[in-house]
Protein backbone atom coordinates (compact mmCIF):
# COMPACT_ATOMS: atom_id res chain seq x y z
CA MET A 1 0.08 0.34 0.10
CA ALA A 2 1.34 3.67 -0.70
CA TYR A 3 0.13 6.81 0.32
CA ILE A 4 0.78 9.45 -2.02
CA PRO A 5 -0.01 12.43 -0.91
CA SER A 6 -1.81 15.59 -3.03
CA GLY A 7 0.97 17.12 -5.97
CA GLY A 8 3.02 13.53 -6.18
CA ALA A 9 -0.27 10.98 -7.59
CA PRO A 10 0.82 9.28 -10.93
CA ALA A 11 -1.00 10.79 -13.58
CA ALA A 12 -0.18 8.15 -16.00
CA GLY A 13 -1.77 4.82 -16.10
CA VAL A 14 -3.89 5.33 -12.83
CA ALA A 15 -6.52 2.66 -12.43
CA PRO A 16 -10.13 3.93 -11.48
CA VAL A 17 -11.56 2.62 -7.86
CA GLY A 18 -12.62 -0.41 -8.26
CA SER A 19 -15.60 -1.78 -7.07
CA GLN A 20 -14.77 -3.12 -3.65
CA TYR A 21 -16.51 -6.59 -2.76
CA CYS A 22 -15.45 -10.18 -1.32
CA VAL A 23 -15.42 -13.16 -2.81
CA CYS A 24 -16.80 -15.46 -0.26
CA LYS A 25 -14.92 -18.46 -0.38
CA VAL A 26 -14.98 -22.07 1.96
CA GLU A 27 -12.14 -25.03 1.85
CA LEU A 28 -13.27 -27.88 2.62
CA SER A 29 -10.90 -30.47 4.78
CA VAL A 30 -12.04 -34.28 4.12
CA SER A 31 -11.72 -37.35 6.62
CA GLY A 32 -12.90 -40.97 6.21
CA GLN A 33 -13.33 -43.72 9.15
CA ASN A 34 -14.14 -47.17 9.12
CA LEU A 35 -13.93 -47.23 4.84
CA LEU A 36 -14.16 -50.88 2.88
CA ASP A 37 -11.17 -53.28 2.51
CA ARG A 38 -10.96 -53.49 -0.77
CA ASP A 39 -7.62 -54.81 -0.90
CA VAL A 40 -6.90 -58.47 -0.17
CA THR A 41 -3.76 -58.53 0.76
CA SER A 42 -3.35 -54.83 2.25
CA LYS A 43 -5.69 -51.79 3.59
CA SER A 44 -7.86 -49.26 0.58
CA ASP A 45 -5.99 -46.57 -0.41
CA PRO A 46 -8.34 -44.02 -0.80
CA PHE A 47 -9.03 -40.63 -2.28
CA CYS A 48 -11.87 -38.75 -2.48
CA VAL A 49 -13.38 -37.03 -5.13
CA LEU A 50 -15.17 -33.93 -5.40
CA PHE A 51 -18.62 -33.41 -7.26
CA THR A 52 -20.90 -30.64 -8.21
CA GLU A 53 -23.88 -30.41 -9.61
CA SER A 54 -24.74 -28.56 -13.14
CA ASP A 55 -28.14 -28.48 -14.77
CA GLY A 56 -29.00 -32.00 -12.88
CA ARG A 57 -25.30 -33.55 -14.22
CA TRP A 58 -22.54 -33.93 -11.60
CA ILE A 59 -19.83 -32.89 -12.68
CA GLU A 60 -16.11 -33.91 -11.33
CA TYR A 61 -14.79 -30.91 -9.28
CA ASP A 62 -11.50 -31.89 -8.04
CA ARG A 63 -9.78 -34.59 -6.17
CA THR A 64 -7.75 -35.03 -3.23
CA GLU A 65 -4.86 -36.88 -2.97
CA THR A 66 -4.15 -41.10 -1.96
CA ALA A 67 -3.89 -42.00 1.45
CA VAL A 68 -1.76 -45.47 1.05
CA ASN A 69 -2.64 -48.53 3.51
CA ASN A 70 -5.49 -46.24 4.96
CA LEU A 71 -8.67 -47.16 6.09
CA ASN A 72 -8.72 -43.76 8.43
CA PRO A 73 -8.06 -41.32 5.75
CA ALA A 74 -7.64 -37.60 6.53
CA PHE A 75 -6.89 -35.91 3.54
CA SER A 76 -4.22 -33.40 3.06
CA LYS A 77 -5.63 -31.90 0.09
CA LYS A 78 -8.44 -29.57 0.50
CA PHE A 79 -11.57 -28.65 -2.01
CA VAL A 80 -11.55 -24.54 -2.42
CA LEU A 81 -15.08 -23.35 -2.97
CA ASP A 82 -17.07 -19.93 -4.20
CA TYR A 83 -20.21 -19.55 -1.40
CA HIS A 84 -23.32 -18.63 -2.60
CA PHE A 85 -25.95 -18.51 0.16
CA GLU A 86 -29.19 -17.86 -2.24
CA GLU A 87 -28.04 -20.37 -4.04
CA VAL A 88 -28.41 -24.33 -3.41
CA GLN A 89 -24.83 -25.62 -4.15
CA LYS A 90 -25.10 -29.43 -4.59
CA LEU A 91 -21.93 -31.83 -3.73
CA LYS A 92 -21.53 -35.29 -3.71
CA PHE A 93 -18.12 -36.82 -1.76
CA ALA A 94 -17.54 -39.91 -3.71
CA LEU A 95 -14.35 -42.20 -2.23
CA PHE A 96 -12.39 -44.72 -4.30
CA ASP A 97 -9.93 -47.23 -3.96
CA GLN A 98 -7.10 -46.63 -6.28
CA ASP A 99 -5.81 -49.52 -7.59
CA LYS A 100 -3.88 -48.33 -11.10
CA SER A 101 -2.88 -44.98 -12.22
CA SER A 102 -5.30 -44.46 -14.28
CA THR A 103 -7.13 -41.14 -13.52
CA GLN A 104 -10.65 -43.15 -15.11
CA LEU A 105 -12.27 -43.63 -11.51
CA GLU A 106 -14.69 -46.89 -13.18
CA GLU A 107 -10.55 -48.64 -13.13
CA HIS A 108 -10.63 -47.76 -9.04
CA ASP A 109 -12.65 -49.64 -6.36
CA PHE A 110 -15.90 -48.23 -5.40
CA LEU A 111 -16.01 -47.10 -1.36
CA GLY A 112 -18.68 -45.18 -0.85
CA GLN A 113 -20.47 -41.46 -1.14
CA PHE A 114 -22.38 -39.07 0.35
CA SER A 115 -24.25 -36.36 -0.97
CA CYS A 116 -25.13 -32.64 0.80
CA SER A 117 -25.50 -29.44 -0.20
CA LEU A 118 -22.82 -26.50 0.88
CA GLY A 119 -25.25 -24.92 3.06
CA THR A 120 -25.84 -28.13 4.77
CA ILE A 121 -21.94 -28.18 5.87
CA VAL A 122 -21.88 -24.55 6.55
CA SER A 123 -24.18 -23.90 8.91
CA SER A 124 -23.05 -27.19 10.87
CA LYS A 125 -19.38 -26.32 10.44
CA LYS A 126 -18.54 -29.90 10.50
CA ILE A 127 -20.95 -33.21 9.70
CA THR A 128 -20.12 -36.92 9.98
CA ARG A 129 -22.41 -38.96 7.81
CA PRO A 130 -22.60 -42.66 6.35
CA LEU A 131 -21.48 -43.45 3.14
CA LEU A 132 -23.67 -44.83 1.04
CA LEU A 133 -23.32 -47.63 -2.13
CA MET A 134 -24.66 -46.86 -5.24
CA ASN A 135 -27.99 -48.42 -4.16
CA ASP A 136 -28.56 -46.25 -1.06
CA LYS A 137 -27.30 -49.17 1.12
CA PRO A 138 -24.56 -48.59 3.98
CA ALA A 139 -20.93 -48.79 2.53
CA GLY A 140 -20.08 -51.07 5.65
CA LYS A 141 -19.40 -48.84 8.63
CA GLY A 142 -17.96 -46.29 6.50
CA LEU A 143 -18.20 -42.72 7.64
CA ILE A 144 -16.87 -39.17 5.78
CA THR A 145 -16.51 -36.05 8.20
CA VAL A 146 -16.44 -32.81 5.97
CA ALA A 147 -15.38 -29.43 8.07
CA ALA A 148 -15.76 -25.98 6.50
CA GLN A 149 -14.20 -22.87 7.27
CA GLU A 150 -14.21 -19.64 5.54
CA LEU A 151 -11.13 -18.59 3.55
CA SER A 152 -11.81 -15.05 2.70
CA ASP A 153 -9.95 -12.23 4.57
CA ASN A 154 -12.10 -10.24 6.24
CA GLN A 155 -9.77 -7.75 8.25
CA VAL A 156 -10.28 -4.39 8.21
CA ILE A 157 -8.08 -1.19 8.98
CA THR A 158 -8.93 2.31 10.33
CA LEU A 159 -7.47 5.55 10.14
CA SER A 160 -7.97 8.75 11.10
CA LEU A 161 -5.40 11.59 9.42
CA ALA A 162 -5.04 15.05 9.87
CA GLY A 163 -2.41 17.80 7.77
CA ARG A 164 -1.47 21.07 8.91
CA LYS A 165 0.16 23.97 7.54
CA LEU A 166 -1.05 23.07 3.76
CA ASP A 167 0.19 24.73 0.87
CA LYS A 168 -2.29 27.36 -0.10
CA LYS A 169 -4.02 26.51 -3.41
CA ASP A 170 -6.33 28.91 -3.78
CA LEU A 171 -5.49 32.18 -5.22
CA PHE A 172 -8.36 34.15 -3.04
CA GLY A 173 -9.01 31.62 -0.20
CA LYS A 174 -7.01 28.44 1.40
CA SER A 175 -6.90 25.26 -0.08
CA ASP A 176 -9.35 22.35 -0.12
CA PRO A 177 -7.39 19.44 0.52
CA PHE A 178 -7.93 15.44 0.10
CA LEU A 179 -6.02 12.44 0.57
CA GLU A 180 -5.82 9.81 -2.14
CA PHE A 181 -4.76 6.26 -1.34
CA TYR A 182 -2.76 4.06 -4.16
CA LYS A 183 -1.46 0.56 -4.14
CA PRO A 184 0.54 -0.80 -6.42
CA GLY A 185 -1.76 -2.91 -9.21
CA ASP A 186 -0.16 -6.47 -10.43
CA ASP A 187 0.39 -4.90 -14.40
CA GLY A 188 2.43 -2.27 -12.11
CA LYS A 189 0.10 0.51 -12.36
CA TRP A 190 -1.50 2.40 -9.16
CA MET A 191 -4.42 1.80 -8.37
CA LEU A 192 -7.07 4.19 -6.72
CA VAL A 193 -8.71 2.46 -3.10
CA HIS A 194 -9.74 5.45 -0.89
CA ARG A 195 -10.52 9.09 -0.95
CA THR A 196 -10.91 10.98 1.41
CA GLU A 197 -13.64 13.53 1.87
CA VAL A 198 -12.37 16.97 0.86
CA ILE A 199 -12.40 19.47 3.39
CA LYS A 200 -13.27 23.04 2.13
CA TYR A 201 -10.87 26.28 3.04
CA THR A 202 -8.58 25.18 5.53
CA LEU A 203 -4.96 24.32 5.31
CA ASP A 204 -4.99 22.59 8.94
CA PRO A 205 -7.87 20.06 8.24
CA VAL A 206 -8.57 16.88 10.44
CA TRP A 207 -10.23 13.97 8.35
CA LYS A 208 -13.13 11.83 9.25
CA PRO A 209 -11.87 8.48 10.42
CA PHE A 210 -12.29 5.96 7.29
CA THR A 211 -12.60 1.76 7.18
CA VAL A 212 -11.75 0.03 4.28
CA PRO A 213 -10.71 -3.62 3.60
CA LEU A 214 -7.47 -4.99 4.86
CA VAL A 215 -7.38 -6.86 1.32
CA SER A 216 -8.32 -3.49 -0.37
CA LEU A 217 -5.47 -1.44 1.11
CA CYS A 218 -2.80 -4.08 1.19
CA ASP A 219 -3.65 -7.54 -0.34
CA GLY A 220 -4.11 -8.24 3.36
CA ASP A 221 -0.36 -8.76 4.10
CA VAL A 222 0.19 -6.99 7.67
CA GLU A 223 3.72 -7.22 6.85
CA LYS A 224 3.91 -5.94 3.70
CA PRO A 225 6.27 -2.88 3.27
CA ILE A 226 3.97 0.64 3.19
CA GLN A 227 4.66 4.13 1.55
CA LEU A 228 3.81 6.79 3.95
CA GLU A 229 4.58 10.30 3.25
CA PHE A 230 4.38 12.48 6.28
CA GLU A 231 6.17 15.44 4.52
CA CYS A 232 3.94 16.95 1.69
CA ILE A 233 6.51 17.63 -1.09
CA ASN A 234 5.61 20.01 -4.13
CA PRO A 235 8.76 19.11 -6.47
CA LYS A 236 8.27 22.37 -8.26
CA LYS A 237 8.75 24.12 -5.03
CA GLN A 238 11.63 22.16 -3.98
CA ARG A 239 13.16 22.73 -6.87
CA LYS A 240 13.05 26.88 -6.58
CA LYS A 241 13.44 27.49 -3.09
CA LYS A 242 16.92 26.67 -1.26
CA ASN A 243 15.72 26.53 1.69
CA TYR A 244 12.09 24.70 1.42
CA LYS A 245 11.41 21.94 3.65
CA ASN A 246 7.63 20.82 2.88
CA SER A 247 4.51 22.26 2.09
CA GLY A 248 2.66 21.05 5.21
CA ILE A 249 2.69 17.28 6.94
CA ILE A 250 0.18 14.57 7.21
CA ILE A 251 -0.38 13.70 10.76
CA LEU A 252 -1.58 9.97 11.45
CA ARG A 253 -3.84 10.16 14.41
CA SER A 254 -4.74 6.51 15.03
CA CYS A 255 -4.44 2.91 13.35
CA GLU A 256 -6.26 0.03 14.01
CA ILE A 257 -6.94 -3.28 12.18
CA ASN A 258 -9.83 -5.34 13.29
CA ARG A 259 -11.76 -8.32 12.19
CA ASP A 260 -14.95 -7.43 9.81
CA TYR A 261 -17.02 -10.43 10.32
CA SER A 262 -18.73 -11.39 7.29
CA PHE A 263 -22.30 -13.03 6.38
CA LEU A 264 -20.30 -16.56 6.88
CA ASP A 265 -19.07 -15.92 9.62
CA TYR A 266 -21.74 -15.24 11.51
CA ILE A 267 -23.34 -19.02 9.96
CA LEU A 268 -19.89 -20.88 10.85
CA GLY A 269 -20.04 -19.50 14.23
CA GLY A 270 -23.73 -21.28 15.11
CA CYS A 271 -26.24 -18.19 14.05
CA GLN A 272 -29.46 -20.70 13.53
CA LEU A 273 -32.33 -18.93 10.85
CA MET A 274 -35.40 -18.81 11.94
CA PHE A 275 -38.22 -19.40 9.38
CA THR A 276 -41.52 -18.75 9.24
CA VAL A 277 -44.11 -18.70 6.30
CA GLY A 278 -47.06 -15.92 6.26
CA ILE A 279 -49.79 -17.23 3.32
CA ASP A 280 -52.46 -14.93 2.59
CA PHE A 281 -55.98 -16.07 2.35
CA THR A 282 -58.13 -13.44 1.54
CA ALA A 283 -60.66 -13.87 -1.14
CA SER A 284 -59.57 -12.40 -3.91
CA ASN A 285 -56.92 -15.27 -3.95
CA GLY A 286 -59.96 -17.11 -5.65
CA ASN A 287 -61.62 -20.35 -4.97
CA PRO A 288 -58.91 -23.46 -4.82
CA LEU A 289 -60.85 -25.15 -6.87
CA ASP A 290 -60.98 -23.10 -9.70
CA PRO A 291 -58.38 -23.32 -12.13
CA SER A 292 -57.81 -19.35 -12.17
CA SER A 293 -57.40 -18.89 -8.31
CA LEU A 294 -53.95 -18.66 -6.99
CA HIS A 295 -54.18 -21.19 -4.66
CA TYR A 296 -55.64 -23.39 -7.17
CA ILE A 297 -53.04 -26.66 -7.21
CA ASN A 298 -52.25 -27.31 -11.03
CA PRO A 299 -51.73 -31.16 -12.13
CA MET A 300 -48.17 -30.75 -11.84
CA GLY A 301 -48.81 -30.09 -8.18
CA THR A 302 -47.74 -27.09 -7.54
CA ASN A 303 -48.90 -22.91 -7.47
CA GLU A 304 -47.51 -19.41 -7.40
CA TYR A 305 -47.87 -20.00 -3.29
CA LEU A 306 -46.31 -23.64 -3.33
CA SER A 307 -43.37 -22.23 -5.83
CA ALA A 308 -41.89 -18.98 -3.65
CA ILE A 309 -42.32 -21.57 -0.26
CA TRP A 310 -39.93 -23.59 -1.92
CA ALA A 311 -37.57 -21.07 -3.52
CA VAL A 312 -36.85 -19.56 -0.08
CA GLY A 313 -37.54 -22.78 1.80
CA GLN A 314 -35.09 -24.60 0.28
CA ILE A 315 -31.82 -22.34 0.70
CA ILE A 316 -33.50 -21.47 4.29
CA GLN A 317 -33.75 -25.16 5.43
CA ASP A 318 -29.97 -25.69 5.40
CA TYR A 319 -29.78 -22.98 8.05
CA ASP A 320 -32.14 -24.45 11.17
CA SER A 321 -30.89 -27.20 13.08
CA ASP A 322 -34.24 -28.74 13.52
CA LYS A 323 -35.53 -27.66 10.05
CA MET A 324 -38.96 -27.36 11.97
CA PHE A 325 -40.57 -24.33 10.66
CA PRO A 326 -44.16 -22.04 12.06
CA ALA A 327 -46.21 -21.54 9.13
CA LEU A 328 -49.16 -19.32 9.55
CA GLY A 329 -52.43 -18.03 7.52
CA PHE A 330 -54.21 -14.77 7.55
CA GLY A 331 -57.41 -13.68 6.17
CA ALA A 332 -59.33 -16.96 6.30
CA GLN A 333 -62.43 -17.58 8.73
CA LEU A 334 -61.64 -21.39 10.18
CA PRO A 335 -63.91 -24.06 11.49
CA PRO A 336 -65.89 -24.66 14.12
CA ASP A 337 -67.25 -20.88 14.40
CA TRP A 338 -66.03 -19.29 11.04
CA LYS A 339 -64.30 -16.27 12.85
CA VAL A 340 -62.26 -14.28 10.54
CA SER A 341 -58.07 -15.14 11.80
CA HIS A 342 -55.09 -12.72 10.70
CA GLU A 343 -52.70 -15.17 12.55
CA PHE A 344 -53.28 -19.11 12.29
CA ALA A 345 -51.08 -22.09 12.13
CA ILE A 346 -51.99 -23.82 8.98
CA ASN A 347 -51.78 -27.18 10.60
CA PHE A 348 -54.55 -26.19 13.16
CA ASN A 349 -52.44 -26.73 15.96
CA PRO A 350 -51.94 -23.39 17.65
CA THR A 351 -49.57 -24.49 20.76
CA ASN A 352 -47.54 -25.89 17.84
CA PRO A 353 -47.87 -24.61 14.31
CA PHE A 354 -44.27 -26.26 12.97
CA CYS A 355 -44.26 -28.23 9.74
CA SER A 356 -40.85 -30.61 9.82
CA GLY A 357 -39.02 -28.84 6.06
CA VAL A 358 -40.61 -27.16 3.13
CA ASP A 359 -41.67 -30.35 2.46
CA GLY A 360 -44.20 -29.99 5.89
CA ILE A 361 -44.93 -26.61 5.02
CA ALA A 362 -46.22 -27.94 1.39
CA GLN A 363 -48.10 -30.76 2.91
CA ALA A 364 -50.05 -28.79 5.49
CA TYR A 365 -50.48 -25.66 2.93
CA SER A 366 -52.85 -28.35 0.94
CA ALA A 367 -54.23 -30.31 3.64
CA CYS A 368 -56.10 -27.20 4.44
CA LEU A 369 -57.45 -25.32 1.65
CA PRO A 370 -60.36 -27.36 1.89
CA HIS A 371 -61.37 -26.52 5.09
CA ILE A 372 -61.01 -23.00 5.35
CA ARG A 373 -63.20 -20.33 3.83
CA PHE A 374 -61.26 -17.55 1.95
CA TYR A 375 -62.23 -13.85 3.42
CA GLY A 376 -60.45 -10.70 4.34
CA PRO A 377 -59.36 -8.15 4.72
CA THR A 378 -55.32 -8.37 3.83
CA ASN A 379 -54.46 -7.44 7.16
CA PHE A 380 -50.16 -8.05 7.42
CA SER A 381 -49.50 -6.47 10.92
CA PRO A 382 -50.57 -9.60 13.25
CA ILE A 383 -47.91 -11.97 11.52
CA VAL A 384 -45.42 -8.98 11.62
CA ASN A 385 -45.64 -8.75 15.40
CA HIS A 386 -45.90 -12.81 16.12
CA VAL A 387 -42.68 -12.89 14.52
CA ALA A 388 -41.35 -9.81 15.91
CA ARG A 389 -42.39 -11.10 19.64
CA PHE A 390 -39.60 -14.07 19.14
CA ALA A 391 -36.79 -11.65 17.72
CA ALA A 392 -37.75 -9.54 20.78
CA GLN A 393 -36.85 -12.29 23.11
CA ALA A 394 -33.42 -13.20 20.83
CA THR A 395 -32.30 -9.90 21.71
CA GLN A 396 -31.29 -11.13 25.22
CA GLN A 397 -28.33 -13.16 23.66
CA GLN A 398 -25.00 -12.28 23.91
CA THR A 399 -23.80 -13.69 21.15
CA ALA A 400 -25.27 -14.01 17.26
CA THR A 401 -26.83 -17.00 17.84
CA GLN A 402 -30.56 -16.10 16.29
CA TYR A 403 -31.96 -14.46 12.90
CA PHE A 404 -35.88 -14.60 12.41
CA ILE A 405 -36.75 -14.29 8.96
CA LEU A 406 -40.77 -13.60 7.96
CA LEU A 407 -41.98 -14.79 4.16
CA ILE A 408 -44.92 -13.26 3.43
CA ILE A 409 -46.67 -14.54 0.36
CA THR A 410 -49.18 -12.13 -0.88
CA ASP A 411 -51.90 -11.23 -3.84
CA GLY A 412 -53.08 -7.58 -2.97
CA VAL A 413 -53.06 -4.57 -1.38
CA ILE A 414 -52.31 -4.41 2.58
CA SER A 415 -55.73 -3.21 4.27
CA ASP A 416 -53.50 -2.43 7.73
CA MET A 417 -50.80 -0.23 5.72
CA GLU A 418 -50.40 2.14 8.85
CA GLU A 419 -50.69 -0.58 11.60
CA THR A 420 -47.85 -2.34 9.26
CA ARG A 421 -45.42 0.68 9.07
CA HIS A 422 -45.31 0.78 12.63
CA ALA A 423 -44.90 -2.72 12.82
CA VAL A 424 -42.18 -2.89 10.14
CA VAL A 425 -40.48 -0.07 11.88
CA GLN A 426 -40.08 -1.52 15.13
CA ALA A 427 -39.05 -4.99 13.83
CA SER A 428 -36.52 -3.37 12.24
CA LYS A 429 -35.07 -2.94 15.81
CA LEU A 430 -35.02 -6.48 15.92
CA PRO A 431 -33.15 -9.74 14.08
CA MET A 432 -35.80 -9.94 11.80
CA SER A 433 -36.30 -10.11 8.21
CA ILE A 434 -39.19 -9.94 6.33
CA ILE A 435 -39.56 -11.13 2.47
CA ILE A 436 -42.68 -10.51 0.83
CA VAL A 437 -43.77 -11.91 -2.54
CA GLY A 438 -46.39 -11.08 -4.35
CA VAL A 439 -48.68 -13.46 -6.90
CA GLY A 440 -50.98 -12.87 -9.41
CA ASN A 441 -50.99 -9.53 -11.53
CA ALA A 442 -52.26 -6.83 -8.69
CA ASP A 443 -50.95 -3.49 -7.87
CA PHE A 444 -48.12 -3.96 -5.75
CA ALA A 445 -47.12 -0.25 -5.12
CA ALA A 446 -47.91 -0.19 -1.42
CA MET A 447 -45.01 -3.18 -1.03
CA GLU A 448 -42.89 -1.36 -3.03
CA PHE A 449 -43.24 1.32 -0.42
CA LEU A 450 -42.31 -0.70 2.65
CA ASP A 451 -38.66 -2.00 0.79
CA GLY A 452 -37.33 0.88 2.00
CA ASP A 453 -34.57 0.69 -1.19
CA SER A 454 -35.10 4.17 -2.27
CA ARG A 455 -36.26 6.04 0.70
CA THR A 456 -36.60 5.32 4.59
CA LEU A 457 -39.79 3.96 5.88
CA ARG A 458 -41.47 5.55 8.74
CA SER A 459 -44.33 4.77 11.13
CA HIS A 460 -47.33 6.87 11.05
CA THR A 461 -46.02 8.76 13.92
CA GLY A 462 -42.88 9.61 11.98
CA GLU A 463 -40.53 7.05 13.74
CA GLU A 464 -38.01 6.20 11.35
CA ALA A 465 -36.97 2.35 10.66
CA ALA A 466 -33.74 1.58 12.17
CA ARG A 467 -32.84 -0.14 8.88
CA ASP A 468 -34.03 -1.68 5.60
CA ILE A 469 -35.38 -5.53 6.26
CA VAL A 470 -37.76 -5.47 3.70
CA GLN A 471 -37.36 -7.35 0.22
CA PHE A 472 -40.58 -7.41 -2.26
CA VAL A 473 -40.69 -9.36 -5.18
CA PRO A 474 -43.39 -9.99 -7.34
CA PHE A 475 -43.74 -13.45 -8.23
CA ARG A 476 -44.68 -12.69 -12.00
CA GLU A 477 -41.77 -11.51 -12.55
CA PHE A 478 -40.22 -14.95 -12.23
CA ARG A 479 -42.69 -16.77 -13.87
CA ASN A 480 -40.44 -18.43 -17.05
CA ALA A 481 -37.20 -17.88 -15.11
CA ALA A 482 -35.25 -20.73 -13.74
CA LYS A 483 -36.62 -21.73 -10.15
CA GLU A 484 -33.62 -20.72 -9.18
CA THR A 485 -33.60 -17.18 -9.87
CA LEU A 486 -36.26 -16.14 -7.49
CA ALA A 487 -34.50 -17.70 -4.92
CA LYS A 488 -31.41 -15.44 -5.83
CA ALA A 489 -33.74 -12.30 -5.99
CA VAL A 490 -35.22 -12.51 -2.82
CA LEU A 491 -32.42 -13.52 -0.90
CA ALA A 492 -30.08 -11.06 -2.20
CA GLU A 493 -30.69 -8.83 0.40
CA LEU A 494 -30.73 -11.04 3.33
CA PRO A 495 -26.82 -11.89 4.23
CA GLN A 496 -26.56 -7.56 4.25
CA GLN A 497 -29.25 -7.65 6.48
CA VAL A 498 -28.28 -10.60 9.19
CA VAL A 499 -24.99 -8.82 9.29
CA GLN A 500 -25.78 -5.34 9.26
CA TYR A 501 -27.72 -6.46 13.30
CA PHE A 502 -25.05 -8.43 14.73
CA LYS A 503 -22.53 -5.58 14.24
CA HIS A 504 -24.44 -2.81 14.95
CA LYS A 505 -25.25 -4.99 17.97
CA ASN A 506 -21.43 -5.29 18.85
CA LEU A 507 -22.50 -9.20 18.75
CA PRO A 508 -19.55 -11.93 17.65
CA PRO A 509 -20.26 -14.90 16.71
CA THR A 510 -21.05 -17.78 18.84
CA HIS A 511 -18.47 -19.75 18.19
CA SER A 512 -15.90 -17.07 16.70
CA GLU A 513 -12.18 -17.05 16.65
CA PRO A 514 -9.40 -14.44 17.53
CA ALA A 515 -8.42 -12.01 14.93
């Protein structure tokens, strides 16, 4: 990293400021226990092959080394993958006994395999599972253990700087100084990595402290030599004046390096994502027996409500250890007295509204349709407040233990907008995010209003949301897209929202390692 004062910045070949984002990489360590012994005169010589799924096909990604004569190998070769929270990244680990020098897998004896998603491994940090043969029967007593570790550099450096007795550059006033930081790029050109704010009309500026990723400033290498010029030298003045000393000095007031926890840090540290579904059963959806109804389940066994549940749920379920999810409905009349409810368990068990996995939510949803009467109005606030009560209990945590996600699927305009705005503003102070998927072709302008991407959401009392926690997506924009596309859209902001909350509360990961 090199700091170049004003007047000394490289003029030619300067690269522009790049977008500062971090590609999240995960390192997987693999070991095996009690593997099948396929050799007659000695033990097996196992190696592990990792496959990733692409378009329904398994593609070989990488292989470990071969552990000679070993039924309990701990492979030193690691698998390094890009991690994408908003995708289901299916993996398959297959172990073979090396018999020949051939790279063709069919030339080696098969010892067993195990399949899961990358999210399953990351959410548990380490998993041990039985190995299976091709017929899904146990591969003897063979086990595989896979452990995950984040490779991304998430340290940040905070600098506070000031200037003193800088040159006067303006004809009728003082200077308007700012600082630019450059580092040498791989191509030999200087690359701008940070520019401070401009301070008007002063020769003694004090810039605001700023924080940048360490990897951006010095490639993450704290031992890397840096160039920092404390005297500002003006080459023209230096040539003309024999007694010239400098054109002012730059003062480093403080320098602090800290760990900037990432979303993956919190997940690997044991944070659970607590998932709840809220489903709109108002009359505007239409009779579920009518093919024009949004709740009509087509011969393929799906509709827009189920598609939204699957898109989000199949991702989130990997990050909840017991995979038991509350599923709530609103806007329907319930038996036996047919009173309207805006907060009912779709399995009709108010003391235990939990469903087993996304499959359980889909089954409870399908089963409840014939037993309720669609009614109205479309009130969101009861379900938002329901989840907020549990999120409020989690604020007692001393570490990042739980974060709550509410998925609301609806077909129309919110009836209780003032109450919902207030509920969302209060929920913005809690470990909670809200995803709204609009189904059908209604006007969803009110949903866009709740999604505070373009402006800060305020309650009817004028209180501002502490942060943006709502993500709205209209399903109609994804009807003809690949099913994975909807999940990417609705979950795009979630990792940032999780990190934003825990950082604001100064809550570290539950099982964090020292920086």
